[in-house]
N, C-alpha and C. Protein backbone atom coordinates (compact mmCIF):
# COMPACT_ATOMS: atom_id res chain seq x y z
N MET A 1 -32.66 -86.98 -189.64
CA MET A 1 -31.58 -87.67 -189.45
C MET A 1 -31.51 -88.94 -190.61
N LEU A 2 -30.09 -88.79 -191.23
CA LEU A 2 -29.97 -89.71 -192.36
C LEU A 2 -29.64 -91.15 -191.53
N TYR A 3 -30.44 -92.25 -192.23
CA TYR A 3 -30.42 -93.42 -191.71
C TYR A 3 -29.03 -94.13 -192.22
N THR A 4 -28.01 -94.56 -191.62
CA THR A 4 -27.11 -95.15 -192.16
C THR A 4 -26.62 -96.27 -191.29
N LYS A 5 -25.28 -96.93 -191.91
CA LYS A 5 -24.67 -98.05 -191.15
C LYS A 5 -23.41 -97.69 -190.95
N PRO A 6 -22.39 -98.06 -190.15
CA PRO A 6 -21.06 -97.70 -189.87
C PRO A 6 -20.36 -97.98 -191.14
N TYR A 7 -20.33 -99.15 -191.95
CA TYR A 7 -19.77 -99.61 -192.90
C TYR A 7 -20.26 -98.87 -194.48
N PHE A 8 -21.11 -97.78 -194.23
CA PHE A 8 -21.44 -96.91 -195.35
C PHE A 8 -20.63 -95.54 -195.00
N ALA A 9 -20.02 -95.46 -194.27
CA ALA A 9 -19.18 -94.27 -194.05
C ALA A 9 -17.90 -94.29 -194.91
N PRO A 10 -17.70 -92.86 -195.38
CA PRO A 10 -16.52 -92.67 -196.23
C PRO A 10 -15.30 -93.03 -195.51
N GLN A 11 -14.12 -93.76 -196.41
CA GLN A 11 -13.04 -94.21 -196.12
C GLN A 11 -12.14 -93.04 -195.45
N ALA A 12 -12.13 -91.79 -195.94
CA ALA A 12 -11.41 -90.78 -195.60
C ALA A 12 -12.44 -89.54 -195.68
N ASP A 13 -12.01 -88.61 -194.89
CA ASP A 13 -12.59 -87.38 -194.94
C ASP A 13 -12.71 -86.34 -196.23
N GLU A 14 -11.44 -86.50 -196.84
CA GLU A 14 -11.39 -85.99 -198.02
C GLU A 14 -12.46 -86.25 -199.16
N GLU A 15 -13.00 -87.54 -199.00
CA GLU A 15 -14.15 -88.05 -199.91
C GLU A 15 -15.26 -87.37 -199.86
N ILE A 16 -15.53 -86.61 -198.67
CA ILE A 16 -16.85 -85.67 -198.67
C ILE A 16 -16.68 -84.48 -199.50
N PHE A 17 -15.28 -83.89 -199.38
CA PHE A 17 -15.24 -82.51 -200.37
C PHE A 17 -15.04 -82.89 -201.68
N ASP A 18 -14.39 -84.30 -201.96
CA ASP A 18 -14.40 -84.65 -203.30
C ASP A 18 -15.67 -84.95 -204.01
N LEU A 19 -16.83 -85.16 -203.31
CA LEU A 19 -18.08 -85.18 -203.77
C LEU A 19 -18.73 -83.95 -204.00
N VAL A 20 -18.42 -82.76 -203.35
CA VAL A 20 -18.80 -81.71 -203.51
C VAL A 20 -18.24 -81.10 -204.89
N ASP A 21 -16.99 -81.47 -204.96
CA ASP A 21 -16.14 -80.90 -206.06
C ASP A 21 -17.11 -81.79 -207.62
N ARG A 22 -17.29 -83.02 -207.33
CA ARG A 22 -17.82 -83.52 -208.42
C ARG A 22 -19.19 -83.33 -208.70
N VAL A 23 -20.03 -83.23 -207.74
CA VAL A 23 -21.63 -83.01 -207.80
C VAL A 23 -22.03 -81.46 -208.31
N VAL A 24 -21.19 -80.90 -207.28
CA VAL A 24 -21.41 -79.15 -207.54
C VAL A 24 -22.89 -78.93 -207.25
N LEU A 25 -23.81 -79.22 -207.98
CA LEU A 25 -25.31 -78.83 -207.61
C LEU A 25 -25.87 -79.58 -206.46
N GLY A 26 -26.58 -78.79 -205.71
CA GLY A 26 -27.21 -79.51 -204.49
C GLY A 26 -28.37 -78.95 -204.07
N THR A 27 -28.98 -79.40 -202.75
CA THR A 27 -30.18 -78.82 -202.32
C THR A 27 -29.92 -78.04 -200.91
N LEU A 28 -30.58 -76.76 -200.90
CA LEU A 28 -30.36 -76.16 -199.45
C LEU A 28 -31.88 -76.22 -199.00
N ILE A 29 -31.76 -76.79 -197.45
CA ILE A 29 -33.02 -76.84 -196.92
C ILE A 29 -32.83 -75.99 -195.53
N THR A 30 -33.74 -75.01 -195.60
CA THR A 30 -34.17 -74.15 -194.13
C THR A 30 -35.47 -74.20 -193.61
N PRO A 31 -35.37 -74.91 -192.75
CA PRO A 31 -37.03 -74.86 -191.81
C PRO A 31 -37.02 -73.49 -191.37
N HIS A 32 -38.19 -72.76 -191.39
CA HIS A 32 -38.58 -71.54 -190.69
C HIS A 32 -40.00 -71.60 -190.32
N GLU A 33 -40.34 -70.60 -189.52
CA GLU A 33 -41.60 -70.49 -188.84
C GLU A 33 -42.85 -71.00 -189.79
N GLU A 34 -42.92 -70.53 -191.08
CA GLU A 34 -44.06 -70.94 -191.83
C GLU A 34 -43.78 -72.28 -192.70
N GLY A 35 -42.66 -73.00 -192.69
CA GLY A 35 -42.68 -74.07 -193.20
C GLY A 35 -41.02 -74.50 -193.41
N VAL A 36 -40.54 -74.82 -195.06
CA VAL A 36 -39.46 -75.19 -195.14
C VAL A 36 -39.13 -74.51 -196.44
N ALA A 37 -38.06 -73.98 -196.59
CA ALA A 37 -37.57 -73.34 -197.89
C ALA A 37 -36.58 -74.36 -198.58
N ILE A 38 -36.69 -74.44 -199.85
CA ILE A 38 -35.92 -75.36 -200.55
C ILE A 38 -35.48 -74.89 -201.64
N SER A 39 -34.07 -74.60 -201.80
CA SER A 39 -33.51 -74.36 -203.12
C SER A 39 -32.61 -75.19 -203.45
N HIS A 40 -32.19 -75.04 -204.88
CA HIS A 40 -30.91 -75.88 -205.59
C HIS A 40 -29.95 -75.09 -206.11
N PRO A 41 -29.09 -74.65 -205.16
CA PRO A 41 -27.81 -74.01 -205.65
C PRO A 41 -26.58 -74.64 -205.84
N ILE A 42 -25.63 -74.22 -206.43
CA ILE A 42 -24.16 -74.90 -206.57
C ILE A 42 -23.47 -74.58 -205.43
N PHE A 43 -22.62 -75.59 -205.10
CA PHE A 43 -21.73 -75.45 -203.97
C PHE A 43 -20.29 -75.65 -204.36
N MET A 44 -19.55 -74.94 -203.58
CA MET A 44 -17.97 -75.27 -203.67
C MET A 44 -17.31 -75.52 -202.33
N ALA A 45 -16.42 -76.31 -202.29
CA ALA A 45 -15.88 -76.74 -200.90
C ALA A 45 -14.72 -75.97 -200.62
N ASP A 46 -14.54 -75.39 -199.32
CA ASP A 46 -13.37 -74.56 -199.00
C ASP A 46 -12.88 -75.71 -197.82
N ARG A 47 -11.90 -76.49 -198.41
CA ARG A 47 -11.42 -77.49 -197.54
C ARG A 47 -10.61 -76.94 -196.34
N LYS A 48 -9.83 -75.76 -196.49
CA LYS A 48 -9.05 -75.44 -195.31
C LYS A 48 -9.92 -74.80 -194.35
N ARG A 49 -11.05 -74.14 -194.48
CA ARG A 49 -11.86 -73.40 -193.49
C ARG A 49 -13.18 -74.22 -193.40
N ASN A 50 -13.03 -75.48 -193.75
CA ASN A 50 -14.24 -76.34 -193.47
C ASN A 50 -15.52 -75.69 -193.73
N ARG A 51 -15.93 -75.24 -194.70
CA ARG A 51 -16.83 -74.48 -195.10
C ARG A 51 -17.30 -74.85 -196.75
N LEU A 52 -18.83 -74.75 -196.91
CA LEU A 52 -19.20 -74.88 -198.36
C LEU A 52 -19.37 -73.23 -198.67
N VAL A 53 -19.20 -73.01 -199.86
CA VAL A 53 -19.44 -71.63 -200.51
C VAL A 53 -20.44 -71.69 -201.73
N SER A 54 -21.48 -70.83 -201.70
CA SER A 54 -22.50 -70.95 -202.67
C SER A 54 -23.25 -69.42 -202.99
N HIS A 55 -23.90 -69.40 -203.61
CA HIS A 55 -24.71 -68.17 -204.03
C HIS A 55 -26.25 -68.58 -204.26
N LEU A 56 -27.03 -67.51 -204.55
CA LEU A 56 -28.61 -67.62 -204.76
C LEU A 56 -28.73 -66.46 -205.67
N ALA A 57 -30.03 -66.42 -206.21
CA ALA A 57 -30.35 -65.23 -207.10
C ALA A 57 -30.73 -64.32 -205.73
N ALA A 58 -30.53 -63.08 -205.82
CA ALA A 58 -31.14 -62.09 -204.68
C ALA A 58 -32.57 -61.82 -204.71
N GLY A 59 -33.14 -62.36 -205.90
CA GLY A 59 -34.69 -62.26 -205.73
C GLY A 59 -35.18 -63.78 -205.22
N ASN A 60 -34.45 -64.56 -205.09
CA ASN A 60 -34.95 -65.89 -204.26
C ASN A 60 -35.43 -65.60 -202.88
N ASP A 61 -36.97 -66.29 -202.59
CA ASP A 61 -37.29 -65.85 -200.98
C ASP A 61 -36.31 -66.38 -200.11
N HIS A 62 -35.51 -67.29 -200.57
CA HIS A 62 -34.96 -68.02 -199.50
C HIS A 62 -33.54 -67.05 -199.10
N THR A 63 -33.25 -66.37 -199.73
CA THR A 63 -32.38 -65.30 -199.12
C THR A 63 -32.50 -64.50 -197.94
N ASP A 64 -33.85 -64.34 -197.76
CA ASP A 64 -34.11 -63.78 -196.41
C ASP A 64 -33.79 -64.65 -195.25
N LEU A 65 -34.21 -65.72 -195.43
CA LEU A 65 -33.61 -66.67 -194.35
C LEU A 65 -32.19 -67.05 -194.06
N ILE A 66 -31.41 -66.86 -195.60
CA ILE A 66 -30.01 -66.80 -195.22
C ILE A 66 -29.43 -65.77 -194.47
N ARG A 67 -30.14 -64.54 -194.86
CA ARG A 67 -29.67 -63.26 -193.96
C ARG A 67 -29.87 -63.40 -192.70
N HIS A 68 -30.89 -63.83 -192.07
CA HIS A 68 -30.82 -64.07 -190.84
C HIS A 68 -30.12 -65.34 -189.96
N GLY A 69 -29.27 -65.99 -191.01
CA GLY A 69 -28.61 -67.10 -190.50
C GLY A 69 -29.32 -68.21 -190.06
N LEU A 70 -30.32 -68.45 -190.51
CA LEU A 70 -31.25 -69.87 -189.83
C LEU A 70 -30.55 -71.17 -190.23
N PRO A 71 -30.29 -71.93 -189.32
CA PRO A 71 -29.81 -73.32 -189.50
C PRO A 71 -30.25 -73.88 -190.71
N SER A 72 -29.36 -74.47 -191.41
CA SER A 72 -29.72 -75.11 -192.83
C SER A 72 -29.16 -76.46 -193.04
N VAL A 73 -29.62 -77.09 -194.10
CA VAL A 73 -28.82 -78.41 -194.57
C VAL A 73 -28.47 -78.30 -196.01
N ALA A 74 -27.55 -78.37 -196.22
CA ALA A 74 -26.92 -78.61 -197.68
C ALA A 74 -26.88 -80.17 -198.22
N VAL A 75 -27.44 -80.50 -198.95
CA VAL A 75 -27.42 -81.91 -199.54
C VAL A 75 -26.84 -82.24 -200.94
N LEU A 76 -25.83 -82.89 -200.91
CA LEU A 76 -25.29 -83.19 -202.15
C LEU A 76 -25.24 -84.72 -202.35
N MET A 77 -25.70 -85.08 -203.54
CA MET A 77 -25.92 -86.45 -203.79
C MET A 77 -25.66 -86.80 -205.31
N ASP A 78 -24.82 -87.91 -205.39
CA ASP A 78 -24.40 -88.20 -206.83
C ASP A 78 -25.49 -88.90 -207.33
N ALA A 79 -25.25 -89.04 -208.71
CA ALA A 79 -26.51 -89.58 -209.63
C ALA A 79 -26.81 -91.32 -209.21
N GLY A 80 -25.54 -91.90 -208.82
CA GLY A 80 -25.49 -93.11 -208.50
C GLY A 80 -25.94 -94.13 -209.67
N SER A 81 -26.65 -95.22 -209.51
CA SER A 81 -27.13 -96.04 -210.31
C SER A 81 -27.87 -97.42 -209.92
N TYR A 82 -28.83 -97.94 -210.72
CA TYR A 82 -29.46 -99.07 -210.24
C TYR A 82 -28.60 -100.05 -210.44
N ILE A 83 -28.64 -101.05 -209.41
CA ILE A 83 -28.00 -102.40 -209.61
C ILE A 83 -28.71 -103.32 -209.76
N SER A 84 -28.84 -104.06 -210.98
CA SER A 84 -29.92 -105.03 -211.35
C SER A 84 -29.53 -106.53 -210.73
N SER A 85 -30.14 -107.21 -210.37
CA SER A 85 -29.94 -108.77 -209.87
C SER A 85 -29.74 -109.42 -211.15
N SER A 86 -30.07 -109.08 -212.33
CA SER A 86 -29.88 -109.65 -213.56
C SER A 86 -28.50 -109.72 -213.86
N TRP A 87 -27.72 -108.77 -213.20
CA TRP A 87 -26.17 -108.78 -213.44
C TRP A 87 -25.48 -109.85 -212.61
N TYR A 88 -26.00 -110.61 -211.80
CA TYR A 88 -25.20 -111.56 -210.79
C TYR A 88 -25.24 -113.00 -211.37
N PRO A 89 -24.21 -113.47 -210.91
CA PRO A 89 -24.07 -114.78 -211.38
C PRO A 89 -25.10 -115.84 -211.10
N ALA A 90 -25.66 -116.64 -212.07
CA ALA A 90 -26.66 -117.51 -211.72
C ALA A 90 -26.39 -118.59 -210.82
N ALA A 91 -24.94 -118.93 -210.83
CA ALA A 91 -24.42 -120.17 -209.88
C ALA A 91 -24.12 -119.69 -208.57
N PRO A 92 -24.06 -120.16 -207.52
CA PRO A 92 -25.25 -121.31 -207.37
C PRO A 92 -26.87 -120.43 -207.35
N ALA A 93 -26.86 -119.17 -207.11
CA ALA A 93 -28.26 -118.51 -207.21
C ALA A 93 -27.97 -117.10 -207.41
N ARG A 94 -29.05 -116.33 -208.04
CA ARG A 94 -28.87 -114.88 -207.98
C ARG A 94 -29.97 -114.56 -207.21
N ASP A 95 -29.92 -114.67 -205.80
CA ASP A 95 -31.07 -114.45 -204.90
C ASP A 95 -30.91 -113.17 -204.16
N SER A 96 -29.89 -112.30 -204.51
CA SER A 96 -29.84 -110.96 -203.86
C SER A 96 -30.82 -110.10 -204.52
N ALA A 97 -31.31 -109.28 -203.83
CA ALA A 97 -32.58 -108.35 -204.45
C ALA A 97 -31.89 -106.91 -205.13
N PRO A 98 -32.22 -106.32 -206.25
CA PRO A 98 -31.75 -105.29 -206.73
C PRO A 98 -31.69 -104.15 -205.78
N THR A 99 -30.74 -103.31 -206.03
CA THR A 99 -30.59 -101.98 -205.07
C THR A 99 -30.10 -100.92 -206.06
N TRP A 100 -29.95 -99.78 -205.12
CA TRP A 100 -29.59 -98.57 -205.93
C TRP A 100 -28.11 -98.07 -205.16
N ASN A 101 -27.02 -97.81 -205.91
CA ASN A 101 -25.85 -97.64 -204.96
C ASN A 101 -25.66 -96.10 -205.30
N PHE A 102 -25.28 -95.33 -204.25
CA PHE A 102 -24.88 -93.88 -204.43
C PHE A 102 -24.19 -93.37 -203.36
N MET A 103 -23.79 -92.05 -203.44
CA MET A 103 -23.33 -91.36 -202.22
C MET A 103 -23.98 -90.19 -201.85
N VAL A 104 -24.10 -89.84 -200.66
CA VAL A 104 -24.83 -88.72 -200.20
C VAL A 104 -24.17 -87.97 -198.99
N VAL A 105 -24.14 -86.74 -198.77
CA VAL A 105 -23.59 -86.12 -197.62
C VAL A 105 -24.69 -84.73 -197.23
N HIS A 106 -24.91 -84.82 -196.06
CA HIS A 106 -25.85 -83.72 -195.62
C HIS A 106 -24.68 -82.91 -194.46
N PHE A 107 -24.82 -81.60 -194.93
CA PHE A 107 -23.96 -80.56 -194.37
C PHE A 107 -24.81 -79.88 -193.50
N HIS A 108 -24.61 -79.75 -192.17
CA HIS A 108 -25.45 -78.90 -191.29
C HIS A 108 -24.70 -77.64 -190.95
N GLY A 109 -25.31 -76.61 -190.95
CA GLY A 109 -24.66 -75.23 -190.54
C GLY A 109 -25.37 -73.90 -190.39
N LYS A 110 -25.14 -72.88 -190.40
CA LYS A 110 -25.79 -71.68 -190.14
C LYS A 110 -25.12 -70.67 -191.26
N PRO A 111 -25.65 -70.38 -192.34
CA PRO A 111 -25.27 -69.56 -193.32
C PRO A 111 -24.67 -68.12 -192.84
N GLU A 112 -23.74 -67.63 -193.49
CA GLU A 112 -23.22 -66.21 -193.21
C GLU A 112 -23.23 -65.65 -194.65
N LEU A 113 -23.37 -64.36 -194.85
CA LEU A 113 -23.19 -63.62 -195.89
C LEU A 113 -21.86 -63.44 -196.21
N MET A 114 -21.63 -63.33 -197.56
CA MET A 114 -20.23 -63.04 -197.95
C MET A 114 -20.37 -61.49 -198.52
N SER A 115 -19.07 -60.95 -198.47
CA SER A 115 -19.16 -59.61 -199.12
C SER A 115 -19.20 -59.61 -200.61
N THR A 116 -19.23 -58.38 -201.27
CA THR A 116 -19.25 -58.20 -202.78
C THR A 116 -18.09 -58.86 -203.36
N ALA A 117 -17.03 -58.48 -202.78
CA ALA A 117 -15.82 -58.87 -203.31
C ALA A 117 -15.58 -60.31 -203.34
N ALA A 118 -15.87 -61.09 -201.87
CA ALA A 118 -15.82 -62.40 -201.80
C ALA A 118 -16.67 -63.13 -202.73
N THR A 119 -17.96 -62.75 -202.88
CA THR A 119 -18.76 -63.32 -203.90
C THR A 119 -18.43 -63.28 -205.28
N ALA A 120 -17.84 -62.08 -205.77
CA ALA A 120 -17.08 -62.24 -207.03
C ALA A 120 -15.90 -63.19 -207.13
N LYS A 121 -15.24 -63.06 -206.34
CA LYS A 121 -14.31 -64.32 -206.37
C LYS A 121 -14.73 -65.56 -206.36
N HIS A 122 -15.85 -65.92 -205.37
CA HIS A 122 -16.46 -67.12 -205.46
C HIS A 122 -17.04 -67.59 -206.96
N LEU A 123 -17.64 -66.43 -207.76
CA LEU A 123 -18.14 -66.91 -209.09
C LEU A 123 -16.90 -66.96 -209.96
N SER A 124 -15.92 -66.25 -209.76
CA SER A 124 -14.68 -66.60 -210.70
C SER A 124 -14.17 -67.94 -210.35
N ASP A 125 -13.90 -68.24 -209.25
CA ASP A 125 -13.40 -69.68 -208.92
C ASP A 125 -14.49 -70.83 -209.46
N LEU A 126 -15.64 -70.47 -209.30
CA LEU A 126 -16.75 -71.46 -209.77
C LEU A 126 -16.56 -71.62 -211.47
N VAL A 127 -16.46 -70.64 -212.21
CA VAL A 127 -16.25 -70.81 -213.42
C VAL A 127 -14.90 -71.38 -213.69
N SER A 128 -13.86 -71.22 -213.12
CA SER A 128 -12.59 -71.86 -213.38
C SER A 128 -12.85 -73.47 -213.13
N HIS A 129 -13.56 -73.78 -212.00
CA HIS A 129 -13.74 -75.04 -211.64
C HIS A 129 -14.50 -75.81 -212.76
N MET A 130 -15.55 -75.23 -213.17
CA MET A 130 -16.29 -76.00 -214.02
C MET A 130 -15.99 -75.80 -215.73
N GLU A 131 -14.93 -74.91 -215.94
CA GLU A 131 -14.32 -75.14 -217.24
C GLU A 131 -13.03 -75.61 -217.39
N LYS A 132 -12.70 -76.41 -216.13
CA LYS A 132 -11.24 -76.72 -216.38
C LYS A 132 -11.27 -77.94 -217.11
N GLY A 133 -10.38 -78.04 -218.10
CA GLY A 133 -10.12 -78.99 -218.99
C GLY A 133 -11.00 -79.02 -220.40
N ARG A 134 -11.65 -77.85 -220.41
CA ARG A 134 -12.40 -77.83 -221.70
C ARG A 134 -11.62 -76.96 -222.77
N ASP A 135 -11.91 -77.38 -223.82
CA ASP A 135 -11.57 -76.86 -225.15
C ASP A 135 -12.00 -75.53 -225.16
N LYS A 136 -11.04 -74.51 -225.55
CA LYS A 136 -11.46 -73.07 -225.43
C LYS A 136 -12.11 -72.73 -224.17
N ALA A 137 -11.82 -72.97 -222.89
CA ALA A 137 -12.56 -72.83 -221.86
C ALA A 137 -13.01 -71.34 -221.70
N TRP A 138 -14.36 -71.06 -221.22
CA TRP A 138 -14.65 -69.70 -221.18
C TRP A 138 -14.13 -69.02 -219.95
N LYS A 139 -13.92 -67.75 -220.02
CA LYS A 139 -13.25 -67.10 -218.65
C LYS A 139 -14.40 -65.91 -218.51
N MET A 140 -14.25 -65.56 -217.18
CA MET A 140 -15.24 -64.45 -216.58
C MET A 140 -14.98 -63.12 -217.23
N GLY A 141 -13.63 -62.92 -217.62
CA GLY A 141 -13.43 -61.70 -218.31
C GLY A 141 -14.11 -61.61 -219.59
N GLU A 142 -14.50 -62.52 -220.36
CA GLU A 142 -15.43 -62.30 -221.63
C GLU A 142 -16.81 -61.89 -221.33
N LEU A 143 -17.13 -61.59 -220.07
CA LEU A 143 -18.39 -60.67 -219.90
C LEU A 143 -18.23 -59.39 -220.20
N GLY A 144 -17.15 -58.83 -220.53
CA GLY A 144 -16.77 -57.59 -220.88
C GLY A 144 -16.65 -56.61 -219.85
N PRO A 145 -16.25 -55.32 -220.09
CA PRO A 145 -16.05 -54.34 -219.16
C PRO A 145 -17.16 -54.11 -218.19
N GLY A 146 -17.23 -54.21 -216.72
CA GLY A 146 -18.37 -54.03 -216.27
C GLY A 146 -19.50 -55.24 -216.05
N GLY A 147 -19.21 -56.18 -216.63
CA GLY A 147 -20.17 -57.16 -216.90
C GLY A 147 -20.57 -57.96 -215.64
N LEU A 148 -19.56 -58.38 -214.92
CA LEU A 148 -19.77 -59.13 -213.44
C LEU A 148 -20.25 -58.02 -212.65
N GLU A 149 -19.86 -56.81 -212.66
CA GLU A 149 -20.35 -55.70 -211.68
C GLU A 149 -21.61 -55.53 -211.90
N ARG A 150 -22.18 -55.44 -213.01
CA ARG A 150 -23.47 -55.12 -213.50
C ARG A 150 -24.44 -56.44 -212.60
N ARG A 151 -23.99 -57.84 -212.80
CA ARG A 151 -24.71 -58.86 -212.24
C ARG A 151 -24.56 -59.06 -210.90
N LEU A 152 -23.59 -58.60 -210.00
CA LEU A 152 -23.34 -58.76 -208.68
C LEU A 152 -24.56 -58.31 -207.88
N PRO A 153 -25.13 -57.24 -208.02
CA PRO A 153 -26.43 -56.81 -207.17
C PRO A 153 -27.59 -57.69 -207.16
N ASN A 154 -27.54 -58.51 -208.23
CA ASN A 154 -28.43 -59.57 -208.12
C ASN A 154 -28.17 -60.90 -207.77
N ILE A 155 -27.08 -61.05 -207.05
CA ILE A 155 -26.33 -62.35 -206.64
C ILE A 155 -26.28 -62.21 -205.26
N LEU A 156 -26.81 -63.06 -204.36
CA LEU A 156 -26.33 -63.21 -202.96
C LEU A 156 -25.38 -64.17 -202.69
N GLY A 157 -24.11 -64.00 -202.31
CA GLY A 157 -22.96 -64.95 -201.99
C GLY A 157 -23.00 -65.32 -200.33
N TYR A 158 -22.78 -66.59 -200.02
CA TYR A 158 -22.85 -66.67 -198.65
C TYR A 158 -22.15 -68.08 -198.66
N GLU A 159 -21.59 -68.48 -197.28
CA GLU A 159 -21.05 -69.44 -196.88
C GLU A 159 -21.65 -70.39 -195.94
N LEU A 160 -21.41 -71.69 -195.84
CA LEU A 160 -22.16 -72.36 -194.79
C LEU A 160 -21.04 -73.25 -193.98
N PRO A 161 -20.55 -72.52 -192.79
CA PRO A 161 -19.77 -72.97 -191.97
C PRO A 161 -20.25 -74.54 -191.36
N ILE A 162 -19.45 -75.61 -191.50
CA ILE A 162 -19.97 -76.96 -191.35
C ILE A 162 -19.95 -77.37 -189.84
N GLU A 163 -21.27 -77.42 -189.31
CA GLU A 163 -21.11 -77.78 -187.88
C GLU A 163 -21.19 -79.22 -187.77
N ARG A 164 -21.87 -80.06 -188.67
CA ARG A 164 -22.34 -81.32 -188.56
C ARG A 164 -22.31 -82.00 -189.92
N VAL A 165 -21.92 -83.31 -190.13
CA VAL A 165 -21.82 -83.95 -191.38
C VAL A 165 -22.69 -85.22 -191.17
N GLU A 166 -23.43 -85.65 -191.95
CA GLU A 166 -24.12 -87.12 -191.88
C GLU A 166 -23.43 -87.51 -193.59
N THR A 167 -23.38 -88.83 -193.63
CA THR A 167 -22.79 -89.18 -194.89
C THR A 167 -23.33 -90.79 -195.17
N ARG A 168 -23.45 -91.09 -196.04
CA ARG A 168 -23.98 -92.41 -196.64
C ARG A 168 -23.45 -92.91 -197.93
N PHE A 169 -22.48 -93.55 -198.04
CA PHE A 169 -21.58 -94.15 -199.20
C PHE A 169 -22.07 -95.49 -199.48
N LYS A 170 -23.19 -95.62 -200.05
CA LYS A 170 -24.00 -97.05 -200.11
C LYS A 170 -23.15 -97.51 -201.53
N LEU A 171 -22.22 -98.48 -201.59
CA LEU A 171 -21.42 -98.83 -202.82
C LEU A 171 -21.25 -100.21 -202.79
N GLY A 172 -22.18 -101.08 -202.06
CA GLY A 172 -22.08 -102.26 -202.49
C GLY A 172 -21.40 -103.20 -201.04
N GLN A 173 -21.14 -102.63 -200.14
CA GLN A 173 -20.15 -103.04 -199.00
C GLN A 173 -20.99 -104.12 -198.29
N ASP A 174 -22.41 -104.20 -198.30
CA ASP A 174 -23.00 -105.04 -197.53
C ASP A 174 -23.57 -106.36 -198.58
N GLU A 175 -23.03 -106.33 -199.63
CA GLU A 175 -23.42 -107.35 -200.80
C GLU A 175 -22.35 -108.35 -200.94
N ARG A 176 -22.70 -109.49 -201.64
CA ARG A 176 -21.65 -110.40 -201.97
C ARG A 176 -20.65 -109.95 -203.07
N ARG A 177 -19.36 -110.44 -202.86
CA ARG A 177 -18.45 -109.79 -203.36
C ARG A 177 -18.51 -110.23 -204.88
N ARG A 178 -18.85 -111.44 -205.27
CA ARG A 178 -19.04 -111.99 -206.58
C ARG A 178 -20.03 -111.16 -207.19
N ASP A 179 -21.05 -110.73 -206.58
CA ASP A 179 -22.14 -109.93 -207.35
C ASP A 179 -21.76 -108.53 -207.65
N MET A 180 -20.88 -107.88 -206.78
CA MET A 180 -20.57 -106.52 -206.98
C MET A 180 -19.38 -106.68 -208.11
N LEU A 181 -18.78 -107.89 -208.28
CA LEU A 181 -17.67 -107.79 -209.33
C LEU A 181 -18.33 -107.77 -210.83
N ALA A 182 -19.52 -108.64 -210.60
CA ALA A 182 -20.45 -108.71 -211.84
C ALA A 182 -20.99 -107.39 -212.15
N ALA A 183 -21.33 -106.67 -211.08
CA ALA A 183 -22.35 -105.27 -211.19
C ALA A 183 -21.21 -104.32 -211.71
N GLU A 184 -19.92 -104.34 -211.23
CA GLU A 184 -19.01 -103.52 -211.71
C GLU A 184 -18.80 -103.54 -213.14
N ASP A 185 -18.66 -104.81 -213.59
CA ASP A 185 -18.50 -105.14 -215.00
C ASP A 185 -19.54 -104.41 -215.89
N LYS A 186 -21.08 -104.66 -215.50
CA LYS A 186 -21.84 -104.25 -216.33
C LYS A 186 -22.01 -102.68 -216.13
N LEU A 187 -21.70 -101.92 -215.06
CA LEU A 187 -21.46 -100.47 -215.13
C LEU A 187 -20.31 -100.06 -216.06
N ARG A 188 -19.33 -100.65 -216.02
CA ARG A 188 -18.24 -100.12 -217.08
C ARG A 188 -18.91 -100.24 -218.64
N GLU A 189 -19.71 -101.42 -218.85
CA GLU A 189 -20.25 -101.66 -220.24
C GLU A 189 -21.24 -100.45 -220.40
N GLU A 190 -21.85 -99.98 -219.46
CA GLU A 190 -22.91 -98.85 -219.73
C GLU A 190 -22.22 -97.32 -219.66
N GLY A 191 -20.48 -97.48 -219.39
CA GLY A 191 -19.98 -96.16 -219.32
C GLY A 191 -20.08 -95.51 -218.15
N LYS A 192 -20.66 -96.11 -216.92
CA LYS A 192 -20.61 -95.58 -215.74
C LYS A 192 -19.15 -95.95 -214.89
N THR A 193 -18.18 -95.83 -215.51
CA THR A 193 -16.76 -96.24 -215.00
C THR A 193 -16.34 -95.51 -213.72
N GLU A 194 -16.79 -94.47 -213.37
CA GLU A 194 -16.40 -93.77 -212.20
C GLU A 194 -17.10 -94.60 -210.98
N LEU A 195 -18.56 -94.87 -211.01
CA LEU A 195 -19.11 -95.47 -210.06
C LEU A 195 -18.71 -96.79 -210.04
N ALA A 196 -18.10 -97.56 -211.14
CA ALA A 196 -17.64 -98.93 -210.78
C ALA A 196 -16.31 -98.90 -210.39
N ALA A 197 -15.48 -97.71 -210.39
CA ALA A 197 -14.24 -97.46 -209.56
C ALA A 197 -14.41 -97.36 -208.23
N ARG A 198 -15.40 -96.57 -207.81
CA ARG A 198 -15.68 -96.30 -206.30
C ARG A 198 -16.26 -97.80 -205.76
N MET A 199 -17.28 -98.20 -206.56
CA MET A 199 -17.70 -99.61 -206.00
C MET A 199 -16.66 -100.59 -205.46
N ALA A 200 -15.28 -100.51 -206.61
CA ALA A 200 -14.22 -101.54 -206.38
C ALA A 200 -13.47 -100.98 -205.41
N GLN A 201 -13.32 -99.90 -204.94
CA GLN A 201 -12.70 -99.35 -203.77
C GLN A 201 -13.18 -99.52 -202.42
N TYR A 202 -14.66 -99.93 -202.39
CA TYR A 202 -15.59 -100.17 -201.13
C TYR A 202 -15.89 -101.69 -201.34
N ARG A 203 -15.41 -102.45 -202.42
CA ARG A 203 -15.82 -103.56 -202.38
C ARG A 203 -15.63 -104.54 -201.31
N PRO A 204 -16.66 -105.30 -200.79
CA PRO A 204 -16.27 -106.30 -199.59
C PRO A 204 -15.15 -107.50 -199.92
N GLU A 205 -14.26 -107.78 -198.88
CA GLU A 205 -13.22 -108.57 -199.02
C GLU A 205 -13.55 -110.13 -199.35
N GLU A 206 -14.73 -110.51 -198.78
CA GLU A 206 -15.17 -111.88 -198.93
C GLU A 206 -16.56 -111.56 -199.60
């Protein structure tokens, strides 16, 4: 169970799927009789159907557990950042401890296999998502005639219907406003503008 506090919850449900779109690479955890299987596949969000869509190499031992639909957890977490107390104003005192700000979501569910056609569409959608905005973006068709078809037997596509979600958006909500303002400035200086913007969105009012 993910330990959290009410004020570490996302402000809107859409932010959970936004995190999936940004992070993409996650961790799939499936307990079984002999232990725990852990893999690191990519995930895409199917917002309308409340599912995650993913795939694994067919040779991965984890696929046997997926075929049996064993309860699993998909974890997606952004990189976040160390927040140094050296950034805080010295007056009256910088007496708050350093911390790490981050966003993480645990998706619980039982995986379901996808058809070959659905897997092919998923891979095409994934490429489009990852190549969006790139100069001379690569397209699946560049694999050539039969290029995708040759690869599909080695790929297991699956979906994770979301039964339960645990979240922790730790973005300075429990810290002093003046300290977080200073931390946001430092993060922007380091080029971590996205995290700074999200901290500003969740910044305490007082």
